Amino acid sequence: MNKGVLTVVSGFSGSGKGTIMKALLKKYDNYALSISATTRSPREGERNGREYFFKTKEEFQRLIEEDQLIEYAQYVENYYGTPREYVERCLDDGKDVILEIEVQGARKVKEKIPEAVLIFVTPPSAEELRARLVGRGTESMEVIESRLSRANEEAVVMPDYDYLLVNDDLEQCVEAMHGIIQAERCKMRRNETFQRKIKEELKEFLKGEEV
């Protein structure tokens, strides 16, 4: 069984990356969505190990010191991070793990795990991005303009990603992301064990023919 592929998905707020993730996990059963650790308190209905791994600040600090986090960041007095053990366990079980994080976190993941695949999701145009943000109807124009300003900064690092996914049609996007990840599974560098195995089998086969 091949080891799973770690895929990091980033994108502008309003790009629809969360919707793509949900549709992908619903359609295919070989994916696992990475669960983050956090120091914030659980909200009503949240369960440890499902939405988040809830940690005290002391526990989280210990994870940092022991290099048990692939990446982490602090937002409004709380820490958020990706536990290495959970991700590696899923990968070893053959699951393709998807990690949805912002661009700074994606860089940290790539530094620690060079074989990780980075995908950036974007709407077909800036005009469409703005329309989606406005269409939510949940944020003020001030917040929307702030998100667009943030998107302008994030666009600068798009070349750091391995793949660009334009989210114009949800079904096509889901299939494109699935295709990218499955193609990565077939790369030679991810199948060195199989290569060695079949080479050894061929040598043994030829020895038998010579007898």
N, C-alpha and C. Protein backbone atom coordinates (compact mmCIF):
# COMPACT_ATOMS: atom_id res chain seq x y z
N MET A 1 0.84 -1.20 0.00
CA MET A 1 0.00 0.00 0.00
C MET A 1 0.87 1.24 0.00
N ASN A 2 0.60 2.14 -0.95
CA ASN A 2 1.36 3.37 -1.01
C ASN A 2 1.05 4.26 0.19
N LYS A 3 2.07 5.01 0.61
CA LYS A 3 1.84 6.02 1.62
C LYS A 3 0.98 7.12 1.01
N GLY A 4 0.10 7.71 1.83
CA GLY A 4 -0.78 8.75 1.32
C GLY A 4 -0.03 10.01 0.95
N VAL A 5 -0.73 10.90 0.25
CA VAL A 5 -0.18 12.18 -0.20
C VAL A 5 -0.70 13.29 0.71
N LEU A 6 0.20 14.11 1.22
CA LEU A 6 -0.20 15.28 2.01
C LEU A 6 -0.43 16.45 1.06
N THR A 7 -1.64 16.96 1.05
CA THR A 7 -1.99 18.07 0.16
C THR A 7 -2.39 19.28 0.99
N VAL A 8 -1.75 20.41 0.72
CA VAL A 8 -2.05 21.66 1.40
C VAL A 8 -2.89 22.53 0.46
N VAL A 9 -4.05 22.94 0.91
CA VAL A 9 -4.95 23.76 0.10
C VAL A 9 -5.08 25.15 0.72
N SER A 10 -4.77 26.15 -0.07
CA SER A 10 -4.93 27.55 0.35
C SER A 10 -5.75 28.27 -0.72
N GLY A 11 -6.16 29.47 -0.41
CA GLY A 11 -6.91 30.25 -1.40
C GLY A 11 -7.50 31.49 -0.77
N PHE A 12 -7.96 32.38 -1.62
CA PHE A 12 -8.58 33.62 -1.13
C PHE A 12 -9.84 33.30 -0.33
N SER A 13 -10.15 34.13 0.64
CA SER A 13 -11.43 34.04 1.32
C SER A 13 -12.53 34.31 0.29
N GLY A 14 -13.44 33.35 0.12
CA GLY A 14 -14.46 33.48 -0.91
C GLY A 14 -14.16 32.68 -2.16
N SER A 15 -13.03 31.98 -2.16
CA SER A 15 -12.66 31.17 -3.33
C SER A 15 -13.45 29.87 -3.40
N GLY A 16 -14.03 29.46 -2.27
CA GLY A 16 -14.83 28.24 -2.25
C GLY A 16 -14.04 27.00 -1.88
N LYS A 17 -12.85 27.20 -1.31
CA LYS A 17 -12.01 26.03 -1.00
C LYS A 17 -12.65 25.10 0.02
N GLY A 18 -13.35 25.66 1.00
CA GLY A 18 -14.02 24.83 2.00
C GLY A 18 -15.12 23.98 1.38
N THR A 19 -15.85 24.54 0.46
CA THR A 19 -16.92 23.80 -0.24
C THR A 19 -16.33 22.68 -1.08
N ILE A 20 -15.20 22.94 -1.71
CA ILE A 20 -14.52 21.91 -2.51
C ILE A 20 -14.08 20.75 -1.62
N MET A 21 -13.53 21.09 -0.45
CA MET A 21 -13.07 20.05 0.49
C MET A 21 -14.23 19.14 0.90
N LYS A 22 -15.35 19.75 1.27
CA LYS A 22 -16.50 18.97 1.71
C LYS A 22 -17.01 18.04 0.61
N ALA A 23 -17.06 18.57 -0.62
CA ALA A 23 -17.55 17.77 -1.75
C ALA A 23 -16.58 16.64 -2.07
N LEU A 24 -15.29 16.91 -1.96
CA LEU A 24 -14.27 15.88 -2.24
C LEU A 24 -14.37 14.74 -1.23
N LEU A 25 -14.47 15.08 0.05
CA LEU A 25 -14.55 14.05 1.10
C LEU A 25 -15.86 13.27 1.02
N LYS A 26 -16.91 13.92 0.56
CA LYS A 26 -18.20 13.24 0.42
C LYS A 26 -18.18 12.25 -0.74
N LYS A 27 -17.48 12.59 -1.81
CA LYS A 27 -17.48 11.77 -3.02
C LYS A 27 -16.49 10.62 -2.96
N TYR A 28 -15.34 10.85 -2.33
CA TYR A 28 -14.29 9.83 -2.29
C TYR A 28 -13.96 9.49 -0.83
N ASP A 29 -13.67 8.21 -0.60
CA ASP A 29 -13.48 7.78 0.79
C ASP A 29 -12.02 7.60 1.20
N ASN A 30 -11.08 7.97 0.33
CA ASN A 30 -9.67 7.78 0.71
C ASN A 30 -9.02 9.05 1.24
N TYR A 31 -9.82 10.06 1.53
CA TYR A 31 -9.27 11.32 2.02
C TYR A 31 -9.52 11.51 3.51
N ALA A 32 -8.58 12.18 4.16
CA ALA A 32 -8.74 12.55 5.56
C ALA A 32 -8.43 14.04 5.68
N LEU A 33 -9.32 14.77 6.33
CA LEU A 33 -9.09 16.19 6.56
C LEU A 33 -8.30 16.34 7.85
N SER A 34 -7.17 17.03 7.76
CA SER A 34 -6.34 17.21 8.94
C SER A 34 -7.09 17.94 10.04
N ILE A 35 -6.90 17.50 11.27
CA ILE A 35 -7.53 18.15 12.43
C ILE A 35 -6.49 18.98 13.16
N SER A 36 -6.79 20.24 13.38
CA SER A 36 -5.84 21.14 14.03
C SER A 36 -5.93 21.03 15.54
N ALA A 37 -4.84 21.40 16.20
CA ALA A 37 -4.83 21.56 17.66
C ALA A 37 -5.03 23.04 17.97
N THR A 38 -5.69 23.34 19.05
CA THR A 38 -5.93 24.74 19.42
C THR A 38 -6.00 24.91 20.94
N THR A 39 -5.69 26.10 21.40
CA THR A 39 -5.80 26.40 22.83
C THR A 39 -7.12 27.08 23.16
N ARG A 40 -7.94 27.38 22.15
CA ARG A 40 -9.22 28.01 22.48
C ARG A 40 -10.18 26.99 23.08
N SER A 41 -11.15 27.47 23.80
CA SER A 41 -12.12 26.59 24.46
C SER A 41 -13.09 26.00 23.44
N PRO A 42 -13.56 24.77 23.68
CA PRO A 42 -14.54 24.17 22.76
C PRO A 42 -15.84 24.97 22.76
N ARG A 43 -16.44 25.12 21.58
CA ARG A 43 -17.74 25.75 21.47
C ARG A 43 -18.81 24.68 21.64
N GLU A 44 -20.03 25.12 21.82
CA GLU A 44 -21.13 24.18 22.04
C GLU A 44 -21.23 23.20 20.89
N GLY A 45 -21.27 21.91 21.19
CA GLY A 45 -21.39 20.88 20.16
C GLY A 45 -20.07 20.37 19.63
N GLU A 46 -18.97 21.06 19.92
CA GLU A 46 -17.66 20.61 19.45
C GLU A 46 -17.12 19.51 20.36
N ARG A 47 -16.38 18.57 19.72
CA ARG A 47 -15.85 17.44 20.47
C ARG A 47 -14.35 17.30 20.21
N ASN A 48 -13.62 17.01 21.26
CA ASN A 48 -12.17 16.83 21.13
C ASN A 48 -11.85 15.69 20.17
N GLY A 49 -10.96 15.96 19.18
CA GLY A 49 -10.60 14.95 18.21
C GLY A 49 -11.49 14.93 16.98
N ARG A 50 -12.54 15.75 16.98
CA ARG A 50 -13.42 15.83 15.80
C ARG A 50 -13.24 17.18 15.10
N GLU A 51 -13.65 18.26 15.77
CA GLU A 51 -13.41 19.58 15.17
C GLU A 51 -11.96 20.02 15.37
N TYR A 52 -11.47 19.83 16.61
CA TYR A 52 -10.09 20.20 16.98
C TYR A 52 -9.58 19.24 18.03
N PHE A 53 -8.26 19.26 18.21
CA PHE A 53 -7.65 18.68 19.40
C PHE A 53 -7.48 19.85 20.37
N PHE A 54 -8.26 19.87 21.45
CA PHE A 54 -8.22 20.99 22.38
C PHE A 54 -7.09 20.80 23.39
N LYS A 55 -6.22 21.80 23.49
CA LYS A 55 -5.04 21.73 24.35
C LYS A 55 -4.98 22.95 25.27
N THR A 56 -4.35 22.76 26.43
CA THR A 56 -4.04 23.92 27.26
C THR A 56 -2.83 24.62 26.64
N LYS A 57 -2.56 25.84 27.09
CA LYS A 57 -1.41 26.56 26.54
C LYS A 57 -0.10 25.85 26.90
N GLU A 58 -0.08 25.23 28.08
CA GLU A 58 1.11 24.49 28.48
C GLU A 58 1.32 23.27 27.59
N GLU A 59 0.24 22.55 27.29
CA GLU A 59 0.33 21.39 26.40
C GLU A 59 0.76 21.79 25.00
N PHE A 60 0.21 22.91 24.52
CA PHE A 60 0.54 23.37 23.18
C PHE A 60 2.02 23.79 23.11
N GLN A 61 2.47 24.47 24.16
CA GLN A 61 3.87 24.89 24.21
C GLN A 61 4.80 23.68 24.19
N ARG A 62 4.39 22.63 24.86
CA ARG A 62 5.19 21.40 24.88
C ARG A 62 5.26 20.78 23.47
N LEU A 63 4.15 20.85 22.74
CA LEU A 63 4.14 20.34 21.36
C LEU A 63 5.12 21.12 20.49
N ILE A 64 5.18 22.43 20.71
CA ILE A 64 6.12 23.27 19.95
C ILE A 64 7.56 22.89 20.29
N GLU A 65 7.84 22.78 21.58
CA GLU A 65 9.21 22.47 22.02
C GLU A 65 9.69 21.11 21.54
N GLU A 66 8.75 20.15 21.43
CA GLU A 66 9.11 18.79 21.02
C GLU A 66 9.00 18.59 19.51
N ASP A 67 8.78 19.69 18.77
CA ASP A 67 8.67 19.64 17.31
C ASP A 67 7.58 18.67 16.86
N GLN A 68 6.46 18.71 17.58
CA GLN A 68 5.34 17.82 17.26
C GLN A 68 4.28 18.49 16.40
N LEU A 69 4.57 19.72 15.94
CA LEU A 69 3.63 20.43 15.08
C LEU A 69 4.29 20.69 13.72
N ILE A 70 3.57 20.41 12.66
CA ILE A 70 4.09 20.69 11.32
C ILE A 70 4.13 22.19 11.08
N GLU A 71 3.12 22.88 11.59
CA GLU A 71 3.08 24.35 11.52
C GLU A 71 2.15 24.83 12.63
N TYR A 72 2.34 26.10 13.02
CA TYR A 72 1.44 26.68 14.02
C TYR A 72 1.47 28.20 13.91
N ALA A 73 0.43 28.83 14.46
CA ALA A 73 0.35 30.29 14.45
C ALA A 73 -0.52 30.72 15.63
N GLN A 74 -0.44 32.00 15.96
CA GLN A 74 -1.24 32.54 17.06
C GLN A 74 -2.22 33.57 16.51
N TYR A 75 -3.50 33.42 16.89
CA TYR A 75 -4.54 34.36 16.48
C TYR A 75 -5.34 34.77 17.71
N VAL A 76 -5.36 36.05 17.99
CA VAL A 76 -6.14 36.61 19.10
C VAL A 76 -5.98 35.78 20.38
N GLU A 77 -4.75 35.70 20.86
CA GLU A 77 -4.40 35.07 22.13
C GLU A 77 -4.50 33.54 22.14
N ASN A 78 -4.94 32.93 21.06
CA ASN A 78 -5.02 31.47 21.01
C ASN A 78 -4.09 30.92 19.94
N TYR A 79 -3.57 29.72 20.20
CA TYR A 79 -2.68 29.05 19.24
C TYR A 79 -3.46 28.02 18.42
N TYR A 80 -3.05 27.89 17.18
CA TYR A 80 -3.60 26.87 16.28
C TYR A 80 -2.42 26.19 15.58
N GLY A 81 -2.49 24.88 15.41
CA GLY A 81 -1.39 24.19 14.75
C GLY A 81 -1.79 22.83 14.23
N THR A 82 -0.93 22.25 13.41
CA THR A 82 -1.19 20.94 12.80
C THR A 82 -0.33 19.87 13.46
N PRO A 83 -0.94 18.95 14.21
CA PRO A 83 -0.17 17.90 14.89
C PRO A 83 0.48 16.94 13.90
N ARG A 84 1.77 16.75 14.04
CA ARG A 84 2.53 15.87 13.15
C ARG A 84 2.06 14.41 13.27
N GLU A 85 1.85 13.94 14.52
CA GLU A 85 1.52 12.53 14.75
C GLU A 85 0.25 12.12 14.03
N TYR A 86 -0.81 12.94 14.12
CA TYR A 86 -2.08 12.61 13.47
C TYR A 86 -1.93 12.53 11.96
N VAL A 87 -1.24 13.51 11.38
CA VAL A 87 -1.05 13.55 9.92
C VAL A 87 -0.25 12.34 9.46
N GLU A 88 0.87 12.06 10.14
CA GLU A 88 1.73 10.96 9.71
C GLU A 88 1.04 9.60 9.88
N ARG A 89 0.20 9.46 10.91
CA ARG A 89 -0.52 8.21 11.10
C ARG A 89 -1.50 7.97 9.94
N CYS A 90 -2.20 9.02 9.53
CA CYS A 90 -3.14 8.90 8.41
C CYS A 90 -2.40 8.59 7.11
N LEU A 91 -1.27 9.25 6.89
CA LEU A 91 -0.48 9.01 5.68
C LEU A 91 0.04 7.58 5.64
N ASP A 92 0.52 7.09 6.78
CA ASP A 92 1.03 5.72 6.85
C ASP A 92 -0.07 4.69 6.62
N ASP A 93 -1.31 5.06 6.95
CA ASP A 93 -2.44 4.17 6.72
C ASP A 93 -2.92 4.21 5.27
N GLY A 94 -2.23 5.02 4.43
CA GLY A 94 -2.58 5.11 3.02
C GLY A 94 -3.60 6.17 2.69
N LYS A 95 -4.01 6.96 3.68
CA LYS A 95 -4.97 8.03 3.44
C LYS A 95 -4.29 9.25 2.82
N ASP A 96 -4.97 9.90 1.90
CA ASP A 96 -4.49 11.18 1.36
C ASP A 96 -5.02 12.27 2.28
N VAL A 97 -4.10 12.98 2.95
CA VAL A 97 -4.47 13.96 3.96
C VAL A 97 -4.52 15.36 3.35
N ILE A 98 -5.62 16.06 3.61
CA ILE A 98 -5.79 17.43 3.10
C ILE A 98 -5.72 18.40 4.27
N LEU A 99 -4.88 19.38 4.10
CA LEU A 99 -4.68 20.40 5.13
C LEU A 99 -5.05 21.76 4.54
N GLU A 100 -6.12 22.35 5.05
CA GLU A 100 -6.60 23.65 4.55
C GLU A 100 -6.08 24.76 5.47
N ILE A 101 -5.06 25.49 5.00
CA ILE A 101 -4.48 26.56 5.81
C ILE A 101 -4.10 27.75 4.94
N GLU A 102 -3.76 28.87 5.61
CA GLU A 102 -3.39 30.07 4.87
C GLU A 102 -1.94 29.98 4.37
N VAL A 103 -1.53 30.98 3.60
CA VAL A 103 -0.28 30.88 2.84
C VAL A 103 0.97 30.79 3.73
N GLN A 104 0.99 31.47 4.87
CA GLN A 104 2.17 31.40 5.75
C GLN A 104 2.35 29.97 6.28
N GLY A 105 1.23 29.36 6.68
CA GLY A 105 1.28 27.99 7.18
C GLY A 105 1.71 27.02 6.09
N ALA A 106 1.25 27.27 4.86
CA ALA A 106 1.61 26.40 3.74
C ALA A 106 3.13 26.40 3.52
N ARG A 107 3.75 27.55 3.64
CA ARG A 107 5.20 27.64 3.48
C ARG A 107 5.91 26.80 4.54
N LYS A 108 5.43 26.86 5.77
CA LYS A 108 6.04 26.11 6.87
C LYS A 108 5.92 24.60 6.62
N VAL A 109 4.76 24.18 6.12
CA VAL A 109 4.57 22.76 5.82
C VAL A 109 5.55 22.30 4.76
N LYS A 110 5.70 23.11 3.70
CA LYS A 110 6.60 22.74 2.60
C LYS A 110 8.05 22.66 3.08
N GLU A 111 8.41 23.51 4.03
CA GLU A 111 9.78 23.48 4.57
C GLU A 111 10.03 22.18 5.34
N LYS A 112 9.02 21.74 6.13
CA LYS A 112 9.18 20.55 6.95
C LYS A 112 8.92 19.26 6.18
N ILE A 113 8.01 19.33 5.21
CA ILE A 113 7.66 18.15 4.42
C ILE A 113 7.72 18.53 2.94
N PRO A 114 8.91 18.49 2.34
CA PRO A 114 9.09 18.93 0.95
C PRO A 114 8.21 18.21 -0.07
N GLU A 115 7.83 16.95 0.23
CA GLU A 115 7.02 16.20 -0.73
C GLU A 115 5.54 16.58 -0.68
N ALA A 116 5.15 17.46 0.23
CA ALA A 116 3.76 17.92 0.30
C ALA A 116 3.38 18.64 -0.99
N VAL A 117 2.14 18.46 -1.41
CA VAL A 117 1.63 19.07 -2.64
C VAL A 117 0.82 20.31 -2.27
N LEU A 118 1.16 21.45 -2.86
CA LEU A 118 0.50 22.71 -2.54
C LEU A 118 -0.44 23.12 -3.68
N ILE A 119 -1.72 23.33 -3.35
CA ILE A 119 -2.72 23.73 -4.34
C ILE A 119 -3.34 25.06 -3.92
N PHE A 120 -3.37 26.01 -4.84
CA PHE A 120 -3.98 27.32 -4.55
C PHE A 120 -5.29 27.43 -5.31
N VAL A 121 -6.37 27.78 -4.59
CA VAL A 121 -7.71 27.88 -5.18
C VAL A 121 -8.09 29.35 -5.36
N THR A 122 -8.63 29.67 -6.52
CA THR A 122 -9.02 31.04 -6.81
C THR A 122 -10.28 31.07 -7.67
N PRO A 123 -11.12 32.10 -7.54
CA PRO A 123 -12.23 32.27 -8.48
C PRO A 123 -11.66 32.67 -9.85
N PRO A 124 -12.48 32.68 -10.90
CA PRO A 124 -11.97 33.02 -12.23
C PRO A 124 -11.54 34.47 -12.40
N SER A 125 -11.98 35.35 -11.52
CA SER A 125 -11.60 36.76 -11.64
C SER A 125 -11.75 37.47 -10.30
N ALA A 126 -11.11 38.65 -10.18
CA ALA A 126 -11.24 39.46 -8.98
C ALA A 126 -12.67 39.96 -8.81
N GLU A 127 -13.32 40.23 -9.94
CA GLU A 127 -14.71 40.69 -9.91
C GLU A 127 -15.62 39.61 -9.32
N GLU A 128 -15.38 38.36 -9.73
CA GLU A 128 -16.17 37.24 -9.20
C GLU A 128 -15.90 37.04 -7.71
N LEU A 129 -14.64 37.22 -7.30
CA LEU A 129 -14.29 37.10 -5.89
C LEU A 129 -15.07 38.11 -5.06
N ARG A 130 -15.08 39.34 -5.51
CA ARG A 130 -15.80 40.39 -4.78
C ARG A 130 -17.30 40.08 -4.73
N ALA A 131 -17.84 39.60 -5.85
CA ALA A 131 -19.27 39.28 -5.91
C ALA A 131 -19.62 38.17 -4.92
N ARG A 132 -18.74 37.18 -4.79
CA ARG A 132 -19.00 36.09 -3.84
C ARG A 132 -18.96 36.58 -2.40
N LEU A 133 -18.01 37.45 -2.10
CA LEU A 133 -17.91 37.99 -0.75
C LEU A 133 -19.14 38.83 -0.40
N VAL A 134 -19.56 39.64 -1.35
CA VAL A 134 -20.76 40.48 -1.13
C VAL A 134 -21.99 39.59 -1.03
N GLY A 135 -22.04 38.56 -1.87
CA GLY A 135 -23.21 37.67 -1.92
C GLY A 135 -23.45 36.89 -0.65
N ARG A 136 -22.41 36.72 0.16
CA ARG A 136 -22.60 36.02 1.43
C ARG A 136 -23.61 36.73 2.31
N GLY A 137 -23.55 38.05 2.27
CA GLY A 137 -24.47 38.87 3.06
C GLY A 137 -24.23 38.80 4.55
N THR A 138 -23.03 38.38 4.94
CA THR A 138 -22.75 38.20 6.36
C THR A 138 -21.71 39.19 6.89
N GLU A 139 -21.12 39.98 6.01
CA GLU A 139 -20.04 40.88 6.42
C GLU A 139 -20.25 42.29 5.90
N SER A 140 -19.71 43.25 6.64
CA SER A 140 -19.81 44.65 6.23
C SER A 140 -18.87 44.90 5.06
N MET A 141 -19.09 46.00 4.35
CA MET A 141 -18.22 46.35 3.22
C MET A 141 -16.80 46.60 3.69
N GLU A 142 -16.67 47.07 4.93
CA GLU A 142 -15.33 47.31 5.47
C GLU A 142 -14.56 45.99 5.60
N VAL A 143 -15.25 44.95 6.08
CA VAL A 143 -14.62 43.64 6.22
C VAL A 143 -14.32 43.05 4.84
N ILE A 144 -15.24 43.23 3.90
CA ILE A 144 -15.04 42.72 2.54
C ILE A 144 -13.82 43.37 1.89
N GLU A 145 -13.70 44.68 2.05
CA GLU A 145 -12.54 45.38 1.49
C GLU A 145 -11.25 44.89 2.14
N SER A 146 -11.32 44.58 3.44
CA SER A 146 -10.16 44.04 4.14
C SER A 146 -9.77 42.67 3.57
N ARG A 147 -10.76 41.84 3.26
CA ARG A 147 -10.51 40.53 2.68
C ARG A 147 -9.91 40.65 1.27
N LEU A 148 -10.37 41.62 0.52
CA LEU A 148 -9.82 41.84 -0.82
C LEU A 148 -8.38 42.33 -0.74
N SER A 149 -8.10 43.16 0.25
CA SER A 149 -6.73 43.63 0.46
C SER A 149 -5.82 42.47 0.82
N ARG A 150 -6.33 41.57 1.66
CA ARG A 150 -5.58 40.38 2.04
C ARG A 150 -5.35 39.48 0.82
N ALA A 151 -6.37 39.36 -0.03
CA ALA A 151 -6.24 38.55 -1.25
C ALA A 151 -5.15 39.12 -2.16
N ASN A 152 -5.05 40.43 -2.21
CA ASN A 152 -4.01 41.07 -3.02
C ASN A 152 -2.62 40.66 -2.55
N GLU A 153 -2.45 40.54 -1.23
CA GLU A 153 -1.16 40.10 -0.66
C GLU A 153 -0.92 38.62 -0.94
N GLU A 154 -1.97 37.81 -0.82
CA GLU A 154 -1.83 36.37 -1.03
C GLU A 154 -1.52 36.04 -2.49
N ALA A 155 -2.02 36.86 -3.41
CA ALA A 155 -1.79 36.60 -4.83
C ALA A 155 -0.30 36.63 -5.18
N VAL A 156 0.48 37.37 -4.41
CA VAL A 156 1.91 37.49 -4.67
C VAL A 156 2.62 36.14 -4.53
N VAL A 157 2.14 35.28 -3.64
CA VAL A 157 2.83 34.01 -3.37
C VAL A 157 2.25 32.83 -4.15
N MET A 158 1.32 33.08 -5.06
CA MET A 158 0.75 31.98 -5.85
C MET A 158 1.82 31.16 -6.57
N PRO A 159 2.90 31.78 -7.09
CA PRO A 159 3.93 30.98 -7.77
C PRO A 159 4.64 29.98 -6.87
N ASP A 160 4.51 30.13 -5.54
CA ASP A 160 5.14 29.18 -4.62
C ASP A 160 4.40 27.85 -4.57
N TYR A 161 3.20 27.81 -5.11
CA TYR A 161 2.37 26.61 -5.08
C TYR A 161 2.65 25.71 -6.28
N ASP A 162 2.33 24.43 -6.14
CA ASP A 162 2.55 23.47 -7.21
C ASP A 162 1.46 23.51 -8.27
N TYR A 163 0.23 23.78 -7.83
CA TYR A 163 -0.90 23.75 -8.75
C TYR A 163 -1.83 24.93 -8.49
N LEU A 164 -2.46 25.42 -9.56
CA LEU A 164 -3.47 26.47 -9.47
C LEU A 164 -4.81 25.87 -9.88
N LEU A 165 -5.81 26.05 -9.05
CA LEU A 165 -7.13 25.49 -9.33
C LEU A 165 -8.13 26.64 -9.40
N VAL A 166 -8.69 26.88 -10.60
CA VAL A 166 -9.67 27.95 -10.78
C VAL A 166 -11.06 27.39 -10.52
N ASN A 167 -11.69 27.88 -9.48
CA ASN A 167 -12.99 27.38 -9.06
C ASN A 167 -14.12 28.12 -9.77
N ASP A 168 -14.43 27.63 -10.97
CA ASP A 168 -15.53 28.21 -11.75
C ASP A 168 -16.73 27.28 -11.72
N ASP A 169 -16.45 25.97 -11.63
CA ASP A 169 -17.50 24.95 -11.57
C ASP A 169 -17.11 23.96 -10.48
N LEU A 170 -17.97 23.78 -9.48
CA LEU A 170 -17.63 22.97 -8.31
C LEU A 170 -17.27 21.54 -8.69
N GLU A 171 -18.10 20.87 -9.49
CA GLU A 171 -17.86 19.48 -9.83
C GLU A 171 -16.54 19.30 -10.58
N GLN A 172 -16.27 20.21 -11.52
CA GLN A 172 -15.01 20.14 -12.26
C GLN A 172 -13.82 20.36 -11.34
N CYS A 173 -13.99 21.26 -10.37
CA CYS A 173 -12.91 21.56 -9.42
C CYS A 173 -12.61 20.34 -8.55
N VAL A 174 -13.66 19.69 -8.08
CA VAL A 174 -13.48 18.50 -7.24
C VAL A 174 -12.74 17.42 -8.02
N GLU A 175 -13.14 17.21 -9.28
CA GLU A 175 -12.49 16.18 -10.10
C GLU A 175 -11.05 16.56 -10.42
N ALA A 176 -10.80 17.85 -10.63
CA ALA A 176 -9.43 18.31 -10.92
C ALA A 176 -8.53 18.09 -9.71
N MET A 177 -9.03 18.41 -8.52
CA MET A 177 -8.22 18.21 -7.32
C MET A 177 -7.97 16.73 -7.07
N HIS A 178 -9.00 15.92 -7.25
CA HIS A 178 -8.84 14.47 -7.10
C HIS A 178 -7.81 13.94 -8.10
N GLY A 179 -7.86 14.43 -9.33
CA GLY A 179 -6.93 13.99 -10.36
C GLY A 179 -5.49 14.36 -10.04
N ILE A 180 -5.29 15.57 -9.51
CA ILE A 180 -3.96 16.02 -9.13
C ILE A 180 -3.37 15.10 -8.07
N ILE A 181 -4.15 14.83 -7.03
CA ILE A 181 -3.66 14.04 -5.90
C ILE A 181 -3.38 12.59 -6.32
N GLN A 182 -4.27 12.02 -7.14
CA GLN A 182 -4.06 10.64 -7.59
C GLN A 182 -2.87 10.54 -8.54
N ALA A 183 -2.64 11.57 -9.36
CA ALA A 183 -1.46 11.58 -10.23
C ALA A 183 -0.18 11.65 -9.40
N GLU A 184 -0.23 12.42 -8.29
CA GLU A 184 0.93 12.50 -7.41
C GLU A 184 1.27 11.14 -6.83
N ARG A 185 0.26 10.32 -6.57
CA ARG A 185 0.48 8.97 -6.04
C ARG A 185 1.31 8.11 -7.00
N CYS A 186 1.22 8.42 -8.29
CA CYS A 186 1.91 7.61 -9.31
C CYS A 186 3.33 8.08 -9.60
N LYS A 187 3.77 9.17 -9.00
CA LYS A 187 5.11 9.67 -9.26
C LYS A 187 6.16 8.65 -8.81
N MET A 188 7.23 8.56 -9.60
CA MET A 188 8.28 7.59 -9.32
C MET A 188 8.86 7.74 -7.91
N ARG A 189 9.07 8.98 -7.49
CA ARG A 189 9.71 9.19 -6.19
C ARG A 189 8.83 8.73 -5.03
N ARG A 190 7.55 8.54 -5.28
CA ARG A 190 6.65 8.05 -4.23
C ARG A 190 6.50 6.52 -4.29
N ASN A 191 7.15 5.91 -5.25
CA ASN A 191 6.99 4.47 -5.45
C ASN A 191 8.33 3.74 -5.52
N GLU A 192 9.29 4.22 -4.75
CA GLU A 192 10.62 3.62 -4.77
C GLU A 192 10.61 2.19 -4.22
N THR A 193 9.79 1.93 -3.21
CA THR A 193 9.71 0.58 -2.64
C THR A 193 9.21 -0.41 -3.69
N PHE A 194 8.18 -0.02 -4.43
CA PHE A 194 7.66 -0.90 -5.48
C PHE A 194 8.71 -1.14 -6.56
N GLN A 195 9.42 -0.08 -6.92
CA GLN A 195 10.46 -0.23 -7.94
C GLN A 195 11.51 -1.25 -7.52
N ARG A 196 11.96 -1.14 -6.27
CA ARG A 196 12.96 -2.09 -5.77
C ARG A 196 12.41 -3.51 -5.77
N LYS A 197 11.14 -3.64 -5.35
CA LYS A 197 10.51 -4.96 -5.25
C LYS A 197 10.44 -5.63 -6.61
N ILE A 198 9.96 -4.92 -7.63
CA ILE A 198 9.79 -5.56 -8.93
C ILE A 198 11.13 -5.84 -9.60
N LYS A 199 12.15 -5.01 -9.33
CA LYS A 199 13.49 -5.26 -9.85
C LYS A 199 14.05 -6.55 -9.27
N GLU A 200 13.86 -6.74 -7.96
CA GLU A 200 14.33 -7.95 -7.31
C GLU A 200 13.59 -9.18 -7.82
N GLU A 201 12.28 -9.04 -8.04
CA GLU A 201 11.48 -10.16 -8.56
C GLU A 201 11.94 -10.55 -9.96
N LEU A 202 12.24 -9.56 -10.79
CA LEU A 202 12.69 -9.84 -12.16
C LEU A 202 14.04 -10.55 -12.15
N LYS A 203 14.92 -10.12 -11.25
CA LYS A 203 16.23 -10.78 -11.15
C LYS A 203 16.06 -12.24 -10.75
N GLU A 204 15.19 -12.51 -9.77
CA GLU A 204 14.94 -13.87 -9.32
C GLU A 204 14.29 -14.70 -10.44
N PHE A 205 13.41 -14.07 -11.19
CA PHE A 205 12.74 -14.75 -12.30
C PHE A 205 13.77 -15.17 -13.35
N LEU A 206 14.69 -14.27 -13.67
CA LEU A 206 15.71 -14.57 -14.68
C LEU A 206 16.68 -15.66 -14.20
N LYS A 207 16.97 -15.65 -12.89
CA LYS A 207 17.82 -16.70 -12.33
C LYS A 207 17.16 -18.06 -12.52
N GLY A 208 15.86 -18.11 -12.33
CA GLY A 208 15.12 -19.35 -12.48
C GLY A 208 15.11 -19.83 -13.93
N GLU A 209 15.07 -18.89 -14.86
CA GLU A 209 15.08 -19.23 -16.28
C GLU A 209 16.42 -19.82 -16.70
N GLU A 210 17.49 -19.36 -16.03
CA GLU A 210 18.84 -19.81 -16.40
C GLU A 210 19.12 -21.22 -15.93
N VAL A 211 18.40 -21.68 -14.90
CA VAL A 211 18.65 -23.03 -14.35
C VAL A 211 18.25 -24.11 -15.36
